[in-house]
Amino acid sequence: LTERNLQRAEIAAESFLDAVAPIYQLSQWDVAYGASGTVGAVAEILGYAGFDANKITREGLGWLRGQLIKAKTADRLDLIGLKEDRKSVIGGGLSILIGIFDLLKLDTLIVAKGALRHGVLYDLMDDESDAPEDLCDASISRLTTRFGVNKKHAHNVEKVALGFYDALSPSLQFSDIHPAELNRYELSKSRQILGWAALCHEVGASISHSELHKHGAYILDNTELMGFSQSELHSLSLLVLGHCGKLKKLEVDFDDDRFIIKLLALRLAVIFCHSRNMPVLKNIKLERADNIFMLSLPSAWQQSFPQTCYLLEEEILAWQKTNWSLVVSTPN
């Protein structure tokens, strides 16, 4: 990954694209969208670096190019958001993107997440403002409709899960070497993933209610949703798989507190909403001290909601088999 090699790759990309460049004259279009896997990968890296994750700019490409040159070899690349299977191809993909920017005289490329055909459909949508987020929400809505999810219940679980997440998120440890904008972006993205997982946690119920978590996870791992990358769908799949039942079935890093907090928030939300009604959460507190989560309930809670208390006792046992603990207390 040297300046000379990248420059040669950019020239090669431009020579290949020269033939089609005249078709895309500036006078014939207003907004440029990118929908390839490389576009999504580059946008994700730039988003973690503090750039706008919904678009790619010349400035962002220049920054990423500099990081590649600094690393010298693909195996030494250490960029948040860059997956192992992308390291060997990121140099070529970046060179092609730079070539496209130069040939088409682009300043900004809007990220249309998903496959190319999804990008075409996305381009036909009338409203361009906040489109990537709206597109994800619309995709989740269509998925839950298709599988007959009770949307009122799903939104109740979402609201409760996000409330628990907000109570715990201040305890997350972020690296001091990254800018505050990066930390805020990561926190916001993590919260979005949790919300979407809550909304579709019952998509597998239409196949089998007894193993809805397994079927739901399979659906998310094997579907294409407009607006979502495969890695984002897998994140949703893991949360849906883990929203109930034993925790040992999850092949995840249990030292990753950012995932664990999302998982706990979702599992608690499912427990508190088990009666299919919006629970009363007044005077309920959720806190964290290292690897211990502490849930405090009002004194009369056990008498008023014995079923919820039973489910919480089962949840305590589930977490005892991990390196995390859940403690539930009721003031005398």
C-alpha atoms as a PDB file:
ATOM      1  CA  LEU A   1       0.000   0.000   0.000  1.00  0.00           C
ATOM      2  CA  THR A   2       2.285   2.736  -1.281  1.00  0.00           C
ATOM      3  CA  GLU A   3       1.578   6.092  -2.900  1.00  0.00           C
ATOM      4  CA  ARG A   4       2.879   4.764  -6.229  1.00  0.00           C
ATOM      5  CA  ASN A   5       0.797   1.577  -6.156  1.00  0.00           C
ATOM      6  CA  LEU A   6      -2.394   3.393  -5.201  1.00  0.00           C
ATOM      7  CA  GLN A   7      -1.814   5.979  -7.910  1.00  0.00           C
ATOM      8  CA  ARG A   8      -1.346   3.228 -10.503  1.00  0.00           C
ATOM      9  CA  ALA A   9      -4.527   1.510  -9.307  1.00  0.00           C
ATOM     10  CA  GLU A  10      -6.469   4.785  -9.605  1.00  0.00           C
ATOM     11  CA  ILE A  11      -5.189   5.319 -13.153  1.00  0.00           C
ATOM     12  CA  ALA A  12      -6.129   1.739 -14.055  1.00  0.00           C
ATOM     13  CA  ALA A  13      -9.626   2.248 -12.659  1.00  0.00           C
ATOM     14  CA  GLU A  14     -10.070   5.505 -14.572  1.00  0.00           C
ATOM     15  CA  SER A  15      -8.900   3.902 -17.821  1.00  0.00           C
ATOM     16  CA  PHE A  16     -11.495   1.177 -17.419  1.00  0.00           C
ATOM     17  CA  LEU A  17     -14.271   3.665 -16.599  1.00  0.00           C
ATOM     18  CA  ASP A  18     -13.374   6.165 -19.338  1.00  0.00           C
ATOM     19  CA  ALA A  19     -15.740   4.526 -21.817  1.00  0.00           C
ATOM     20  CA  VAL A  20     -18.842   4.977 -19.658  1.00  0.00           C
ATOM     21  CA  ALA A  21     -18.031   8.371 -18.128  1.00  0.00           C
ATOM     22  CA  PRO A  22     -19.587  10.401 -21.009  1.00  0.00           C
ATOM     23  CA  ILE A  23     -22.946   8.739 -20.346  1.00  0.00           C
ATOM     24  CA  TYR A  24     -23.115  10.367 -16.924  1.00  0.00           C
ATOM     25  CA  GLN A  25     -22.806  14.051 -17.776  1.00  0.00           C
ATOM     26  CA  LEU A  26     -23.376  16.430 -14.867  1.00  0.00           C
ATOM     27  CA  SER A  27     -26.310  17.994 -16.703  1.00  0.00           C
ATOM     28  CA  GLN A  28     -28.179  14.677 -16.664  1.00  0.00           C
ATOM     29  CA  TRP A  29     -28.363  14.021 -12.922  1.00  0.00           C
ATOM     30  CA  ASP A  30     -28.599  15.859  -9.600  1.00  0.00           C
ATOM     31  CA  VAL A  31     -27.529  13.406  -6.887  1.00  0.00           C
ATOM     32  CA  ALA A  32     -25.007  10.548  -7.032  1.00  0.00           C
ATOM     33  CA  TYR A  33     -25.788   7.348  -5.123  1.00  0.00           C
ATOM     34  CA  GLY A  34     -23.461   4.441  -4.406  1.00  0.00           C
ATOM     35  CA  ALA A  35     -24.806   0.974  -3.606  1.00  0.00           C
ATOM     36  CA  SER A  36     -21.902  -1.490  -3.773  1.00  0.00           C
ATOM     37  CA  GLY A  37     -20.370  -3.447  -0.930  1.00  0.00           C
ATOM     38  CA  THR A  38     -17.254  -1.277  -1.178  1.00  0.00           C
ATOM     39  CA  VAL A  39     -19.320   1.894  -0.810  1.00  0.00           C
ATOM     40  CA  GLY A  40     -20.940   0.492   2.322  1.00  0.00           C
ATOM     41  CA  ALA A  41     -17.610  -0.634   3.770  1.00  0.00           C
ATOM     42  CA  VAL A  42     -15.900   2.719   3.122  1.00  0.00           C
ATOM     43  CA  ALA A  43     -18.889   4.631   4.530  1.00  0.00           C
ATOM     44  CA  GLU A  44     -18.829   2.523   7.694  1.00  0.00           C
ATOM     45  CA  ILE A  45     -15.111   3.178   8.230  1.00  0.00           C
ATOM     46  CA  LEU A  46     -15.561   6.908   7.629  1.00  0.00           C
ATOM     47  CA  GLY A  47     -18.559   6.997   9.956  1.00  0.00           C
ATOM     48  CA  TYR A  48     -16.495   5.558  12.798  1.00  0.00           C
ATOM     49  CA  ALA A  49     -13.755   8.081  11.996  1.00  0.00           C
ATOM     50  CA  GLY A  50     -16.126  10.989  12.596  1.00  0.00           C
ATOM     51  CA  PHE A  51     -17.346  11.640   9.052  1.00  0.00           C
ATOM     52  CA  ASP A  52     -21.005  11.533   8.009  1.00  0.00           C
ATOM     53  CA  ALA A  53     -21.754   7.816   7.574  1.00  0.00           C
ATOM     54  CA  ASN A  54     -24.564   8.517   5.110  1.00  0.00           C
ATOM     55  CA  LYS A  55     -22.283   9.972   2.455  1.00  0.00           C
ATOM     56  CA  ILE A  56     -18.736   9.720   1.113  1.00  0.00           C
ATOM     57  CA  THR A  57     -16.783  12.890   0.372  1.00  0.00           C
ATOM     58  CA  ARG A  58     -13.463  13.674  -1.287  1.00  0.00           C
ATOM     59  CA  GLU A  59     -12.131  14.673   2.099  1.00  0.00           C
ATOM     60  CA  GLY A  60     -13.107  11.300   3.552  1.00  0.00           C
ATOM     61  CA  LEU A  61     -11.523   9.382   0.682  1.00  0.00           C
ATOM     62  CA  GLY A  62      -8.332  11.392   1.057  1.00  0.00           C
ATOM     63  CA  TRP A  63      -8.218  10.626   4.774  1.00  0.00           C
ATOM     64  CA  LEU A  64      -8.741   6.899   4.193  1.00  0.00           C
ATOM     65  CA  ARG A  65      -6.114   6.853   1.440  1.00  0.00           C
ATOM     66  CA  GLY A  66      -3.652   8.378   3.877  1.00  0.00           C
ATOM     67  CA  GLN A  67      -4.438   5.701   6.469  1.00  0.00           C
ATOM     68  CA  LEU A  68      -3.727   2.957   3.927  1.00  0.00           C
ATOM     69  CA  ILE A  69      -0.378   4.471   2.982  1.00  0.00           C
ATOM     70  CA  LYS A  70       0.515   4.880   6.646  1.00  0.00           C
ATOM     71  CA  ALA A  71      -0.235   1.185   7.326  1.00  0.00           C
ATOM     72  CA  LYS A  72       1.948   0.095   4.347  1.00  0.00           C
ATOM     73  CA  THR A  73       0.387  -3.400   4.167  1.00  0.00           C
ATOM     74  CA  ALA A  74      -3.216  -4.620   4.309  1.00  0.00           C
ATOM     75  CA  ASP A  75      -2.635  -6.903   7.292  1.00  0.00           C
ATOM     76  CA  ARG A  76      -1.431  -3.929   9.360  1.00  0.00           C
ATOM     77  CA  LEU A  77      -4.583  -1.901   8.789  1.00  0.00           C
ATOM     78  CA  ASP A  78      -6.266  -1.112  12.111  1.00  0.00           C
ATOM     79  CA  LEU A  79      -9.396   0.878  11.341  1.00  0.00           C
ATOM     80  CA  ILE A  80     -12.628   0.701  13.311  1.00  0.00           C
ATOM     81  CA  GLY A  81     -15.340  -0.625  11.016  1.00  0.00           C
ATOM     82  CA  LEU A  82     -12.949  -2.436   8.658  1.00  0.00           C
ATOM     83  CA  LYS A  83     -13.719  -6.142   8.748  1.00  0.00           C
ATOM     84  CA  GLU A  84     -11.021  -8.773   8.287  1.00  0.00           C
ATOM     85  CA  ASP A  85     -12.443 -10.040   5.004  1.00  0.00           C
ATOM     86  CA  ARG A  86     -12.311  -6.502   3.587  1.00  0.00           C
ATOM     87  CA  LYS A  87      -8.663  -5.752   4.407  1.00  0.00           C
ATOM     88  CA  SER A  88      -7.263  -7.423   1.310  1.00  0.00           C
ATOM     89  CA  VAL A  89      -9.640  -5.633  -1.091  1.00  0.00           C
ATOM     90  CA  ILE A  90     -10.082  -2.207   0.492  1.00  0.00           C
ATOM     91  CA  GLY A  91      -7.133  -0.732  -1.443  1.00  0.00           C
ATOM     92  CA  GLY A  92      -8.566  -1.709  -4.816  1.00  0.00           C
ATOM     93  CA  GLY A  93     -12.065  -0.629  -3.862  1.00  0.00           C
ATOM     94  CA  LEU A  94     -10.834   2.743  -2.638  1.00  0.00           C
ATOM     95  CA  SER A  95      -8.862   3.292  -5.854  1.00  0.00           C
ATOM     96  CA  ILE A  96     -11.977   2.637  -7.933  1.00  0.00           C
ATOM     97  CA  LEU A  97     -14.004   5.051  -5.808  1.00  0.00           C
ATOM     98  CA  ILE A  98     -11.373   7.766  -6.195  1.00  0.00           C
ATOM     99  CA  GLY A  99     -11.359   7.110  -9.947  1.00  0.00           C
ATOM    100  CA  ILE A 100     -15.142   7.508 -10.065  1.00  0.00           C
ATOM    101  CA  PHE A 101     -14.949  10.756  -8.092  1.00  0.00           C
ATOM    102  CA  ASP A 102     -12.326  12.132 -10.493  1.00  0.00           C
ATOM    103  CA  LEU A 103     -14.039  11.048 -13.717  1.00  0.00           C
ATOM    104  CA  LEU A 104     -17.522  12.201 -12.718  1.00  0.00           C
ATOM    105  CA  LYS A 105     -16.213  15.272 -10.865  1.00  0.00           C
ATOM    106  CA  LEU A 106     -18.033  14.269  -7.698  1.00  0.00           C
ATOM    107  CA  ASP A 107     -17.750  16.012  -4.370  1.00  0.00           C
ATOM    108  CA  THR A 108     -20.240  13.797  -2.527  1.00  0.00           C
ATOM    109  CA  LEU A 109     -21.616  10.287  -2.983  1.00  0.00           C
ATOM    110  CA  ILE A 110     -24.782   9.398  -1.045  1.00  0.00           C
ATOM    111  CA  VAL A 111     -24.702   5.897   0.445  1.00  0.00           C
ATOM    112  CA  ALA A 112     -27.659   3.782  -0.701  1.00  0.00           C
ATOM    113  CA  LYS A 113     -27.185   0.785   1.569  1.00  0.00           C
ATOM    114  CA  GLY A 114     -27.970  -2.654   0.213  1.00  0.00           C
ATOM    115  CA  ALA A 115     -27.605  -4.285  -3.178  1.00  0.00           C
ATOM    116  CA  LEU A 116     -27.591  -2.339  -6.430  1.00  0.00           C
ATOM    117  CA  ARG A 117     -31.213  -3.143  -7.234  1.00  0.00           C
ATOM    118  CA  HIS A 118     -32.141  -1.677  -3.869  1.00  0.00           C
ATOM    119  CA  GLY A 119     -30.228   1.446  -4.797  1.00  0.00           C
ATOM    120  CA  VAL A 120     -32.302   1.782  -7.955  1.00  0.00           C
ATOM    121  CA  LEU A 121     -35.542   1.454  -6.001  1.00  0.00           C
ATOM    122  CA  TYR A 122     -34.237   3.904  -3.448  1.00  0.00           C
ATOM    123  CA  ASP A 123     -33.500   6.431  -6.194  1.00  0.00           C
ATOM    124  CA  LEU A 124     -37.167   6.320  -7.189  1.00  0.00           C
ATOM    125  CA  MET A 125     -38.295   7.455  -3.754  1.00  0.00           C
ATOM    126  CA  ASP A 126     -39.531  11.026  -3.658  1.00  0.00           C
ATOM    127  CA  ASP A 127     -38.186  12.175  -0.326  1.00  0.00           C
ATOM    128  CA  GLU A 128     -34.386  12.368  -0.135  1.00  0.00           C
ATOM    129  CA  SER A 129     -34.142  13.985   3.298  1.00  0.00           C
ATOM    130  CA  ASP A 130     -32.997  11.584   6.046  1.00  0.00           C
ATOM    131  CA  ALA A 131     -33.566   8.797   3.529  1.00  0.00           C
ATOM    132  CA  PRO A 132     -31.100   6.147   4.811  1.00  0.00           C
ATOM    133  CA  GLU A 133     -32.668   6.093   8.288  1.00  0.00           C
ATOM    134  CA  ASP A 134     -36.213   6.257   6.884  1.00  0.00           C
ATOM    135  CA  LEU A 135     -35.366   3.414   4.518  1.00  0.00           C
ATOM    136  CA  CYS A 136     -34.247   1.181   7.390  1.00  0.00           C
ATOM    137  CA  ASP A 137     -37.389   1.964   9.376  1.00  0.00           C
ATOM    138  CA  ALA A 138     -39.553   1.216   6.343  1.00  0.00           C
ATOM    139  CA  SER A 139     -37.745  -2.088   5.764  1.00  0.00           C
ATOM    140  CA  ILE A 140     -38.286  -3.184   9.370  1.00  0.00           C
ATOM    141  CA  SER A 141     -41.950  -2.191   9.117  1.00  0.00           C
ATOM    142  CA  ARG A 142     -42.416  -4.263   5.963  1.00  0.00           C
ATOM    143  CA  LEU A 143     -40.624  -7.246   7.516  1.00  0.00           C
ATOM    144  CA  THR A 144     -42.778  -7.206  10.654  1.00  0.00           C
ATOM    145  CA  THR A 145     -45.939  -6.838   8.564  1.00  0.00           C
ATOM    146  CA  ARG A 146     -44.929  -9.757   6.364  1.00  0.00           C
ATOM    147  CA  PHE A 147     -44.460 -12.048   9.367  1.00  0.00           C
ATOM    148  CA  GLY A 148     -47.564 -10.879  11.219  1.00  0.00           C
ATOM    149  CA  VAL A 149     -45.799  -9.262  14.172  1.00  0.00           C
ATOM    150  CA  ASN A 150     -48.027  -7.570  16.763  1.00  0.00           C
ATOM    151  CA  LYS A 151     -46.726  -4.058  16.200  1.00  0.00           C
ATOM    152  CA  LYS A 152     -48.228  -2.546  19.343  1.00  0.00           C
ATOM    153  CA  HIS A 153     -46.420  -5.115  21.467  1.00  0.00           C
ATOM    154  CA  ALA A 154     -43.219  -4.700  19.440  1.00  0.00           C
ATOM    155  CA  HIS A 155     -43.250  -0.935  19.980  1.00  0.00           C
ATOM    156  CA  ASN A 156     -43.820  -1.454  23.713  1.00  0.00           C
ATOM    157  CA  VAL A 157     -40.763  -3.724  23.854  1.00  0.00           C
ATOM    158  CA  GLU A 158     -38.789  -1.174  21.837  1.00  0.00           C
ATOM    159  CA  LYS A 159     -39.697   1.668  24.206  1.00  0.00           C
ATOM    160  CA  VAL A 160     -38.822  -0.313  27.332  1.00  0.00           C
ATOM    161  CA  ALA A 161     -35.578  -1.683  25.844  1.00  0.00           C
ATOM    162  CA  LEU A 162     -34.380   1.775  24.823  1.00  0.00           C
ATOM    163  CA  GLY A 163     -35.216   3.077  28.295  1.00  0.00           C
ATOM    164  CA  PHE A 164     -33.075   0.401  29.927  1.00  0.00           C
ATOM    165  CA  TYR A 165     -30.313   1.000  27.374  1.00  0.00           C
ATOM    166  CA  ASP A 166     -30.315   4.735  28.097  1.00  0.00           C
ATOM    167  CA  ALA A 167     -29.970   3.968  31.802  1.00  0.00           C
ATOM    168  CA  LEU A 168     -26.876   1.826  31.187  1.00  0.00           C
ATOM    169  CA  SER A 169     -25.181   3.548  28.245  1.00  0.00           C
ATOM    170  CA  PRO A 170     -23.344   6.140  30.409  1.00  0.00           C
ATOM    171  CA  SER A 171     -21.361   3.218  31.872  1.00  0.00           C
ATOM    172  CA  LEU A 172     -19.875   2.306  28.485  1.00  0.00           C
ATOM    173  CA  GLN A 173     -16.147   2.879  28.192  1.00  0.00           C
ATOM    174  CA  PHE A 174     -14.937   4.624  25.040  1.00  0.00           C
ATOM    175  CA  SER A 175     -11.388   5.040  23.860  1.00  0.00           C
ATOM    176  CA  ASP A 176      -9.802   8.402  24.642  1.00  0.00           C
ATOM    177  CA  ILE A 177      -7.862   8.290  21.373  1.00  0.00           C
ATOM    178  CA  HIS A 178     -10.994   8.673  19.246  1.00  0.00           C
ATOM    179  CA  PRO A 179     -12.910  11.937  18.843  1.00  0.00           C
ATOM    180  CA  ALA A 180     -16.112  12.570  20.784  1.00  0.00           C
ATOM    181  CA  GLU A 181     -18.030  12.609  17.494  1.00  0.00           C
ATOM    182  CA  LEU A 182     -17.001   8.977  16.906  1.00  0.00           C
ATOM    183  CA  ASN A 183     -18.204   7.930  20.354  1.00  0.00           C
ATOM    184  CA  ARG A 184     -21.543   9.687  19.860  1.00  0.00           C
ATOM    185  CA  TYR A 185     -21.975   8.082  16.444  1.00  0.00           C
ATOM    186  CA  GLU A 186     -21.241   4.613  17.794  1.00  0.00           C
ATOM    187  CA  LEU A 187     -23.648   5.101  20.703  1.00  0.00           C
ATOM    188  CA  SER A 188     -26.399   6.346  18.399  1.00  0.00           C
ATOM    189  CA  LYS A 189     -25.879   3.474  15.947  1.00  0.00           C
ATOM    190  CA  SER A 190     -25.915   0.925  18.754  1.00  0.00           C
ATOM    191  CA  ARG A 191     -29.186   2.367  20.069  1.00  0.00           C
ATOM    192  CA  GLN A 192     -30.734   2.160  16.587  1.00  0.00           C
ATOM    193  CA  ILE A 193     -29.757  -1.501  16.237  1.00  0.00           C
ATOM    194  CA  LEU A 194     -31.372  -2.286  19.597  1.00  0.00           C
ATOM    195  CA  GLY A 195     -34.585  -0.511  18.606  1.00  0.00           C
ATOM    196  CA  TRP A 196     -34.835  -2.413  15.330  1.00  0.00           C
ATOM    197  CA  ALA A 197     -34.092  -5.721  17.073  1.00  0.00           C
ATOM    198  CA  ALA A 198     -36.893  -5.035  19.554  1.00  0.00           C
ATOM    199  CA  LEU A 199     -39.330  -4.299  16.734  1.00  0.00           C
ATOM    200  CA  CYS A 200     -38.602  -7.568  14.925  1.00  0.00           C
ATOM    201  CA  HIS A 201     -37.827  -9.873  17.865  1.00  0.00           C
ATOM    202  CA  GLU A 202     -40.990 -11.901  17.165  1.00  0.00           C
ATOM    203  CA  VAL A 203     -40.685 -12.336  13.388  1.00  0.00           C
ATOM    204  CA  GLY A 204     -40.023 -16.046  13.946  1.00  0.00           C
ATOM    205  CA  ALA A 205     -43.292 -16.617  15.823  1.00  0.00           C
ATOM    206  CA  SER A 206     -45.198 -17.216  12.590  1.00  0.00           C
ATOM    207  CA  ILE A 207     -43.051 -20.325  12.023  1.00  0.00           C
ATOM    208  CA  SER A 208     -42.923 -21.704  15.567  1.00  0.00           C
ATOM    209  CA  HIS A 209     -43.717 -19.872  18.767  1.00  0.00           C
ATOM    210  CA  SER A 210     -41.678 -22.271  20.912  1.00  0.00           C
ATOM    211  CA  GLU A 211     -38.452 -21.444  19.060  1.00  0.00           C
ATOM    212  CA  LEU A 212     -39.318 -18.028  17.691  1.00  0.00           C
ATOM    213  CA  HIS A 213     -35.888 -16.652  18.638  1.00  0.00           C
ATOM    214  CA  LYS A 214     -34.070 -19.241  16.494  1.00  0.00           C
ATOM    215  CA  HIS A 215     -36.390 -18.799  13.524  1.00  0.00           C
ATOM    216  CA  GLY A 216     -36.250 -15.010  13.838  1.00  0.00           C
ATOM    217  CA  ALA A 217     -32.455 -15.050  13.861  1.00  0.00           C
ATOM    218  CA  TYR A 218     -32.405 -17.321  10.801  1.00  0.00           C
ATOM    219  CA  ILE A 219     -34.774 -15.005   8.926  1.00  0.00           C
ATOM    220  CA  LEU A 220     -32.597 -11.966   9.626  1.00  0.00           C
ATOM    221  CA  ASP A 221     -29.389 -13.757   8.658  1.00  0.00           C
ATOM    222  CA  ASN A 222     -30.889 -14.929   5.378  1.00  0.00           C
ATOM    223  CA  THR A 223     -32.884 -11.961   4.165  1.00  0.00           C
ATOM    224  CA  GLU A 224     -32.075  -8.782   2.276  1.00  0.00           C
ATOM    225  CA  LEU A 225     -33.474  -5.610   3.788  1.00  0.00           C
ATOM    226  CA  MET A 226     -33.150  -2.316   1.963  1.00  0.00           C
ATOM    227  CA  GLY A 227     -30.894  -0.005   3.935  1.00  0.00           C
ATOM    228  CA  PHE A 228     -29.063  -2.717   5.893  1.00  0.00           C
ATOM    229  CA  SER A 229     -25.627  -4.228   5.352  1.00  0.00           C
ATOM    230  CA  GLN A 230     -25.101  -7.920   6.069  1.00  0.00           C
ATOM    231  CA  SER A 231     -23.129  -7.077   9.211  1.00  0.00           C
ATOM    232  CA  GLU A 232     -26.009  -4.953  10.519  1.00  0.00           C
ATOM    233  CA  LEU A 233     -28.488  -7.748   9.806  1.00  0.00           C
ATOM    234  CA  HIS A 234     -26.239 -10.177  11.689  1.00  0.00           C
ATOM    235  CA  SER A 235     -26.164  -7.788  14.654  1.00  0.00           C
ATOM    236  CA  LEU A 236     -29.968  -7.807  14.642  1.00  0.00           C
ATOM    237  CA  SER A 237     -29.933 -11.597  14.293  1.00  0.00           C
ATOM    238  CA  LEU A 238     -27.736 -12.053  17.373  1.00  0.00           C
ATOM    239  CA  LEU A 239     -29.989  -9.870  19.504  1.00  0.00           C
ATOM    240  CA  VAL A 240     -33.132 -11.641  18.290  1.00  0.00           C
ATOM    241  CA  LEU A 241     -31.517 -15.034  18.956  1.00  0.00           C
ATOM    242  CA  GLY A 242     -30.552 -13.944  22.453  1.00  0.00           C
ATOM    243  CA  HIS A 243     -33.730 -12.113  23.461  1.00  0.00           C
ATOM    244  CA  CYS A 244     -34.948 -15.148  25.428  1.00  0.00           C
ATOM    245  CA  GLY A 245     -33.730 -18.529  26.618  1.00  0.00           C
ATOM    246  CA  LYS A 246     -30.213 -19.593  27.515  1.00  0.00           C
ATOM    247  CA  LEU A 247     -27.286 -17.310  26.813  1.00  0.00           C
ATOM    248  CA  LYS A 248     -24.699 -19.985  26.025  1.00  0.00           C
ATOM    249  CA  LYS A 249     -26.211 -20.466  22.549  1.00  0.00           C
ATOM    250  CA  LEU A 250     -24.778 -17.088  21.544  1.00  0.00           C
ATOM    251  CA  GLU A 251     -21.381 -17.200  19.844  1.00  0.00           C
ATOM    252  CA  VAL A 252     -20.361 -13.728  20.946  1.00  0.00           C
ATOM    253  CA  ASP A 253     -17.647 -12.049  22.970  1.00  0.00           C
ATOM    254  CA  PHE A 254     -19.160 -11.744  26.437  1.00  0.00           C
ATOM    255  CA  ASP A 255     -16.489  -9.179  27.298  1.00  0.00           C
ATOM    256  CA  ASP A 256     -18.031  -6.796  24.757  1.00  0.00           C
ATOM    257  CA  ASP A 257     -20.067  -4.618  27.098  1.00  0.00           C
ATOM    258  CA  ARG A 258     -21.574  -2.652  24.198  1.00  0.00           C
ATOM    259  CA  PHE A 259     -23.299  -5.794  22.943  1.00  0.00           C
ATOM    260  CA  ILE A 260     -24.089  -7.119  26.425  1.00  0.00           C
ATOM    261  CA  ILE A 261     -25.890  -3.922  27.430  1.00  0.00           C
ATOM    262  CA  LYS A 262     -28.083  -4.104  24.320  1.00  0.00           C
ATOM    263  CA  LEU A 263     -28.780  -7.773  24.989  1.00  0.00           C
ATOM    264  CA  LEU A 264     -29.718  -7.236  28.640  1.00  0.00           C
ATOM    265  CA  ALA A 265     -31.926  -4.250  27.782  1.00  0.00           C
ATOM    266  CA  LEU A 266     -33.828  -6.323  25.208  1.00  0.00           C
ATOM    267  CA  ARG A 267     -34.200  -9.379  27.453  1.00  0.00           C
ATOM    268  CA  LEU A 268     -35.478  -7.271  30.348  1.00  0.00           C
ATOM    269  CA  ALA A 269     -37.892  -5.451  28.040  1.00  0.00           C
ATOM    270  CA  VAL A 270     -39.325  -8.780  26.833  1.00  0.00           C
ATOM    271  CA  ILE A 271     -39.770  -9.889  30.452  1.00  0.00           C
ATOM    272  CA  PHE A 272     -41.473  -6.692  31.575  1.00  0.00           C
ATOM    273  CA  CYS A 273     -43.764  -6.754  28.512  1.00  0.00           C
ATOM    274  CA  HIS A 274     -44.578 -10.475  28.785  1.00  0.00           C
ATOM    275  CA  SER A 275     -48.283  -9.764  29.482  1.00  0.00           C
ATOM    276  CA  ARG A 276     -48.468  -7.956  26.098  1.00  0.00           C
ATOM    277  CA  ASN A 277     -49.229  -4.672  27.860  1.00  0.00           C
ATOM    278  CA  MET A 278     -47.072  -1.608  28.446  1.00  0.00           C
ATOM    279  CA  PRO A 279     -45.585  -2.103  31.927  1.00  0.00           C
ATOM    280  CA  VAL A 280     -45.529   0.464  34.695  1.00  0.00           C
ATOM    281  CA  LEU A 281     -41.851   1.322  35.157  1.00  0.00           C
ATOM    282  CA  LYS A 282     -42.142   4.111  37.705  1.00  0.00           C
ATOM    283  CA  ASN A 283     -39.478   3.870  40.439  1.00  0.00           C
ATOM    284  CA  ILE A 284     -37.676   1.017  38.663  1.00  0.00           C
ATOM    285  CA  LYS A 285     -33.932   1.629  38.416  1.00  0.00           C
ATOM    286  CA  LEU A 286     -31.256  -0.189  36.434  1.00  0.00           C
ATOM    287  CA  GLU A 287     -27.589   0.469  37.192  1.00  0.00           C
ATOM    288  CA  ARG A 288     -24.226  -1.107  36.534  1.00  0.00           C
ATOM    289  CA  ALA A 289     -21.082  -1.624  38.587  1.00  0.00           C
ATOM    290  CA  ASP A 290     -18.353  -3.335  36.560  1.00  0.00           C
ATOM    291  CA  ASN A 291     -19.842  -6.701  35.508  1.00  0.00           C
ATOM    292  CA  ILE A 292     -22.851  -6.504  37.802  1.00  0.00           C
ATOM    293  CA  PHE A 293     -26.235  -5.163  36.723  1.00  0.00           C
ATOM    294  CA  MET A 294     -28.480  -4.006  39.560  1.00  0.00           C
ATOM    295  CA  LEU A 295     -32.235  -3.801  39.035  1.00  0.00           C
ATOM    296  CA  SER A 296     -34.187  -2.121  41.822  1.00  0.00           C
ATOM    297  CA  LEU A 297     -37.960  -2.667  42.043  1.00  0.00           C
ATOM    298  CA  PRO A 298     -40.560  -0.854  44.194  1.00  0.00           C
ATOM    299  CA  SER A 299     -41.503  -2.600  47.444  1.00  0.00           C
ATOM    300  CA  ALA A 300     -44.986  -3.652  46.293  1.00  0.00           C
ATOM    301  CA  TRP A 301     -43.819  -4.984  42.928  1.00  0.00           C
ATOM    302  CA  GLN A 302     -43.559  -8.656  43.896  1.00  0.00           C
ATOM    303  CA  GLN A 303     -47.144  -8.788  45.162  1.00  0.00           C
ATOM    304  CA  SER A 304     -48.507  -6.871  42.171  1.00  0.00           C
ATOM    305  CA  PHE A 305     -46.551  -8.666  39.424  1.00  0.00           C
ATOM    306  CA  PRO A 306     -45.563 -12.172  40.616  1.00  0.00           C
ATOM    307  CA  GLN A 307     -45.188 -13.538  37.064  1.00  0.00           C
ATOM    308  CA  THR A 308     -42.676 -10.840  36.154  1.00  0.00           C
ATOM    309  CA  CYS A 309     -40.745 -11.518  39.358  1.00  0.00           C
ATOM    310  CA  TYR A 310     -40.600 -15.228  38.518  1.00  0.00           C
ATOM    311  CA  LEU A 311     -39.221 -14.444  35.052  1.00  0.00           C
ATOM    312  CA  LEU A 312     -36.639 -12.128  36.626  1.00  0.00           C
ATOM    313  CA  GLU A 313     -35.515 -14.958  38.921  1.00  0.00           C
ATOM    314  CA  GLU A 314     -34.976 -17.121  35.831  1.00  0.00           C
ATOM    315  CA  GLU A 315     -33.062 -14.265  34.214  1.00  0.00           C
ATOM    316  CA  ILE A 316     -30.738 -14.038  37.218  1.00  0.00           C
ATOM    317  CA  LEU A 317     -29.888 -17.734  36.762  1.00  0.00           C
ATOM    318  CA  ALA A 318     -29.250 -17.249  33.042  1.00  0.00           C
ATOM    319  CA  TRP A 319     -26.645 -14.539  33.630  1.00  0.00           C
ATOM    320  CA  GLN A 320     -24.915 -16.564  36.360  1.00  0.00           C
ATOM    321  CA  LYS A 321     -23.568 -18.824  33.597  1.00  0.00           C
ATOM    322  CA  THR A 322     -21.673 -15.902  32.063  1.00  0.00           C
ATOM    323  CA  ASN A 323     -19.094 -13.465  33.388  1.00  0.00           C
ATOM    324  CA  TRP A 324     -21.935 -11.032  34.157  1.00  0.00           C
ATOM    325  CA  SER A 325     -24.376 -10.926  37.066  1.00  0.00           C
ATOM    326  CA  LEU A 326     -27.889  -9.573  37.434  1.00  0.00           C
ATOM    327  CA  VAL A 327     -29.022  -8.592  40.920  1.00  0.00           C
ATOM    328  CA  VAL A 328     -32.678  -7.765  41.578  1.00  0.00           C
ATOM    329  CA  SER A 329     -33.545  -6.012  44.821  1.00  0.00           C
ATOM    330  CA  THR A 330     -36.744  -4.807  46.470  1.00  0.00           C
ATOM    331  CA  PRO A 331     -36.526  -2.269  49.326  1.00  0.00           C
ATOM    332  CA  ASN A 332     -38.099  -3.408  52.595  1.00  0.00           C
END
